[in-house]
Amino acid sequence: AETSFKRAMVWLTVLILASVLFAGFFIHIDNIPVWIRWVQWISFFKYMLGAEATTIFDDNLKFDCPESDSAYSVCNNGGDQISGPDALGVRGIQNIKIVYIV
């Protein structure tokens, strides 16, 4: 019985680590090889992260653009503020609330 518990703990650790890595929080999804990107869709952390991020980074949240080059196209095209959805888009987090609810 003890070896079953140890084996289960090892598999659980591997599963959780893989789920966290493929959620898109620590590693941007564009940096993951194309042939294995499908794993993001079975990562339960992806949905928890997306639900939390879309709640926090709503349309009312604004950030000032930096004075130098920016990763945000709105700043490079003459805008002065970054919206919450713009910030999510750069991180690759899609605003699909119905999926997060389900």
C-alpha atoms as a PDB file:
ATOM      1  CA  ALA A   1       0.000   0.000   0.000  1.00  0.00           C
ATOM      2  CA  GLU A   2       2.878   2.350   0.717  1.00  0.00           C
ATOM      3  CA  THR A   3       4.368   1.995  -2.764  1.00  0.00           C
ATOM      4  CA  SER A   4       0.969   2.791  -4.299  1.00  0.00           C
ATOM      5  CA  PHE A   5       0.837   5.998  -2.294  1.00  0.00           C
ATOM      6  CA  LYS A   6       4.370   6.968  -3.294  1.00  0.00           C
ATOM      7  CA  ARG A   7       3.654   6.194  -6.933  1.00  0.00           C
ATOM      8  CA  ALA A   8       0.466   8.243  -6.804  1.00  0.00           C
ATOM      9  CA  MET A   9       2.337  11.193  -5.279  1.00  0.00           C
ATOM     10  CA  VAL A  10       4.969  11.077  -8.038  1.00  0.00           C
ATOM     11  CA  TRP A  11       2.321  11.001 -10.783  1.00  0.00           C
ATOM     12  CA  LEU A  12       0.334  13.778  -9.120  1.00  0.00           C
ATOM     13  CA  THR A  13       3.450  15.944  -8.924  1.00  0.00           C
ATOM     14  CA  VAL A  14       4.225  15.365 -12.614  1.00  0.00           C
ATOM     15  CA  LEU A  15       0.622  16.102 -13.606  1.00  0.00           C
ATOM     16  CA  ILE A  16       0.403  19.340 -11.621  1.00  0.00           C
ATOM     17  CA  LEU A  17       3.796  20.554 -12.837  1.00  0.00           C
ATOM     18  CA  ALA A  18       2.854  19.890 -16.463  1.00  0.00           C
ATOM     19  CA  SER A  19      -0.487  21.629 -15.978  1.00  0.00           C
ATOM     20  CA  VAL A  20       1.190  24.709 -14.491  1.00  0.00           C
ATOM     21  CA  LEU A  21       3.816  24.866 -17.249  1.00  0.00           C
ATOM     22  CA  PHE A  22       1.278  24.593 -20.076  1.00  0.00           C
ATOM     23  CA  ALA A  23      -1.180  27.071 -18.542  1.00  0.00           C
ATOM     24  CA  GLY A  24       0.665  30.000 -20.139  1.00  0.00           C
ATOM     25  CA  PHE A  25       1.557  31.823 -16.930  1.00  0.00           C
ATOM     26  CA  PHE A  26       5.235  30.924 -16.581  1.00  0.00           C
ATOM     27  CA  ILE A  27       5.936  30.047 -20.216  1.00  0.00           C
ATOM     28  CA  HIS A  28       4.243  31.974 -23.013  1.00  0.00           C
ATOM     29  CA  ILE A  29       2.372  29.565 -25.258  1.00  0.00           C
ATOM     30  CA  ASP A  30       4.327  30.807 -28.315  1.00  0.00           C
ATOM     31  CA  ASN A  31       7.524  29.463 -26.696  1.00  0.00           C
ATOM     32  CA  ILE A  32       6.132  25.919 -26.509  1.00  0.00           C
ATOM     33  CA  PRO A  33       6.728  23.667 -29.544  1.00  0.00           C
ATOM     34  CA  VAL A  34       3.719  23.530 -31.864  1.00  0.00           C
ATOM     35  CA  TRP A  35       3.401  19.755 -31.711  1.00  0.00           C
ATOM     36  CA  ILE A  36       2.696  19.818 -27.959  1.00  0.00           C
ATOM     37  CA  ARG A  37       0.639  23.028 -27.583  1.00  0.00           C
ATOM     38  CA  TRP A  38      -2.572  20.990 -27.454  1.00  0.00           C
ATOM     39  CA  VAL A  39      -1.731  20.168 -23.822  1.00  0.00           C
ATOM     40  CA  GLN A  40      -2.757  23.704 -22.840  1.00  0.00           C
ATOM     41  CA  TRP A  41      -6.400  22.814 -23.448  1.00  0.00           C
ATOM     42  CA  ILE A  42      -6.384  20.025 -20.849  1.00  0.00           C
ATOM     43  CA  SER A  43      -4.498  22.100 -18.273  1.00  0.00           C
ATOM     44  CA  PHE A  44      -6.879  23.000 -15.458  1.00  0.00           C
ATOM     45  CA  PHE A  45      -4.543  25.830 -14.438  1.00  0.00           C
ATOM     46  CA  LYS A  46      -5.155  27.509 -17.826  1.00  0.00           C
ATOM     47  CA  TYR A  47      -8.822  27.928 -16.999  1.00  0.00           C
ATOM     48  CA  MET A  48      -8.178  29.090 -13.431  1.00  0.00           C
ATOM     49  CA  LEU A  49      -5.590  31.608 -14.663  1.00  0.00           C
ATOM     50  CA  GLY A  50      -7.866  32.822 -17.465  1.00  0.00           C
ATOM     51  CA  ALA A  51     -10.846  33.264 -15.153  1.00  0.00           C
ATOM     52  CA  GLU A  52      -8.816  35.202 -12.627  1.00  0.00           C
ATOM     53  CA  ALA A  53      -6.981  37.329 -15.199  1.00  0.00           C
ATOM     54  CA  THR A  54     -10.111  38.306 -17.151  1.00  0.00           C
ATOM     55  CA  THR A  55     -11.788  39.313 -13.901  1.00  0.00           C
ATOM     56  CA  ILE A  56      -8.874  41.492 -12.790  1.00  0.00           C
ATOM     57  CA  PHE A  57      -7.885  42.905 -16.197  1.00  0.00           C
ATOM     58  CA  ASP A  58     -11.278  44.197 -17.279  1.00  0.00           C
ATOM     59  CA  ASP A  59     -11.991  47.139 -19.602  1.00  0.00           C
ATOM     60  CA  ASN A  60     -11.800  49.664 -16.746  1.00  0.00           C
ATOM     61  CA  LEU A  61      -8.189  48.851 -15.859  1.00  0.00           C
ATOM     62  CA  LYS A  62      -5.692  51.159 -17.608  1.00  0.00           C
ATOM     63  CA  PHE A  63      -1.902  51.360 -17.588  1.00  0.00           C
ATOM     64  CA  ASP A  64       0.246  54.228 -18.839  1.00  0.00           C
ATOM     65  CA  CYS A  65       2.395  53.499 -21.877  1.00  0.00           C
ATOM     66  CA  PRO A  66       6.161  53.560 -21.378  1.00  0.00           C
ATOM     67  CA  GLU A  67       8.146  56.328 -23.014  1.00  0.00           C
ATOM     68  CA  SER A  68      10.357  53.917 -24.981  1.00  0.00           C
ATOM     69  CA  ASP A  69       9.501  50.955 -27.221  1.00  0.00           C
ATOM     70  CA  SER A  70       6.679  48.804 -25.936  1.00  0.00           C
ATOM     71  CA  ALA A  71       5.360  45.276 -26.476  1.00  0.00           C
ATOM     72  CA  TYR A  72       1.900  46.812 -26.850  1.00  0.00           C
ATOM     73  CA  SER A  73       0.874  47.961 -30.313  1.00  0.00           C
ATOM     74  CA  VAL A  74      -1.451  50.619 -28.867  1.00  0.00           C
ATOM     75  CA  CYS A  75       1.586  52.408 -27.384  1.00  0.00           C
ATOM     76  CA  ASN A  76       3.648  52.118 -30.560  1.00  0.00           C
ATOM     77  CA  ASN A  77       0.755  53.557 -32.605  1.00  0.00           C
ATOM     78  CA  GLY A  78       0.502  56.775 -30.627  1.00  0.00           C
ATOM     79  CA  GLY A  79      -1.773  55.672 -27.764  1.00  0.00           C
ATOM     80  CA  ASP A  80      -1.036  56.690 -24.201  1.00  0.00           C
ATOM     81  CA  GLN A  81      -2.793  53.940 -22.231  1.00  0.00           C
ATOM     82  CA  ILE A  82      -2.926  50.149 -22.250  1.00  0.00           C
ATOM     83  CA  SER A  83      -6.286  48.562 -21.460  1.00  0.00           C
ATOM     84  CA  GLY A  84      -6.750  45.383 -19.452  1.00  0.00           C
ATOM     85  CA  PRO A  85      -7.736  43.308 -22.521  1.00  0.00           C
ATOM     86  CA  ASP A  86      -4.618  44.585 -24.363  1.00  0.00           C
ATOM     87  CA  ALA A  87      -2.469  43.351 -21.474  1.00  0.00           C
ATOM     88  CA  LEU A  88      -4.173  39.945 -21.603  1.00  0.00           C
ATOM     89  CA  GLY A  89      -3.711  39.699 -25.365  1.00  0.00           C
ATOM     90  CA  VAL A  90       0.043  40.183 -25.171  1.00  0.00           C
ATOM     91  CA  ARG A  91       0.228  37.362 -22.601  1.00  0.00           C
ATOM     92  CA  GLY A  92      -1.842  35.103 -24.839  1.00  0.00           C
ATOM     93  CA  ILE A  93      -4.782  34.912 -22.410  1.00  0.00           C
ATOM     94  CA  GLN A  94      -8.044  34.798 -24.324  1.00  0.00           C
ATOM     95  CA  ASN A  95     -11.154  36.453 -22.963  1.00  0.00           C
ATOM     96  CA  ILE A  96     -13.552  33.496 -23.251  1.00  0.00           C
ATOM     97  CA  LYS A  97     -15.606  33.896 -20.094  1.00  0.00           C
ATOM     98  CA  ILE A  98     -18.184  31.269 -20.996  1.00  0.00           C
ATOM     99  CA  VAL A  99     -15.447  28.607 -21.118  1.00  0.00           C
ATOM    100  CA  TYR A 100     -14.089  29.731 -17.757  1.00  0.00           C
ATOM    101  CA  ILE A 101     -17.563  29.566 -16.218  1.00  0.00           C
ATOM    102  CA  VAL A 102     -18.155  26.034 -17.473  1.00  0.00           C
END
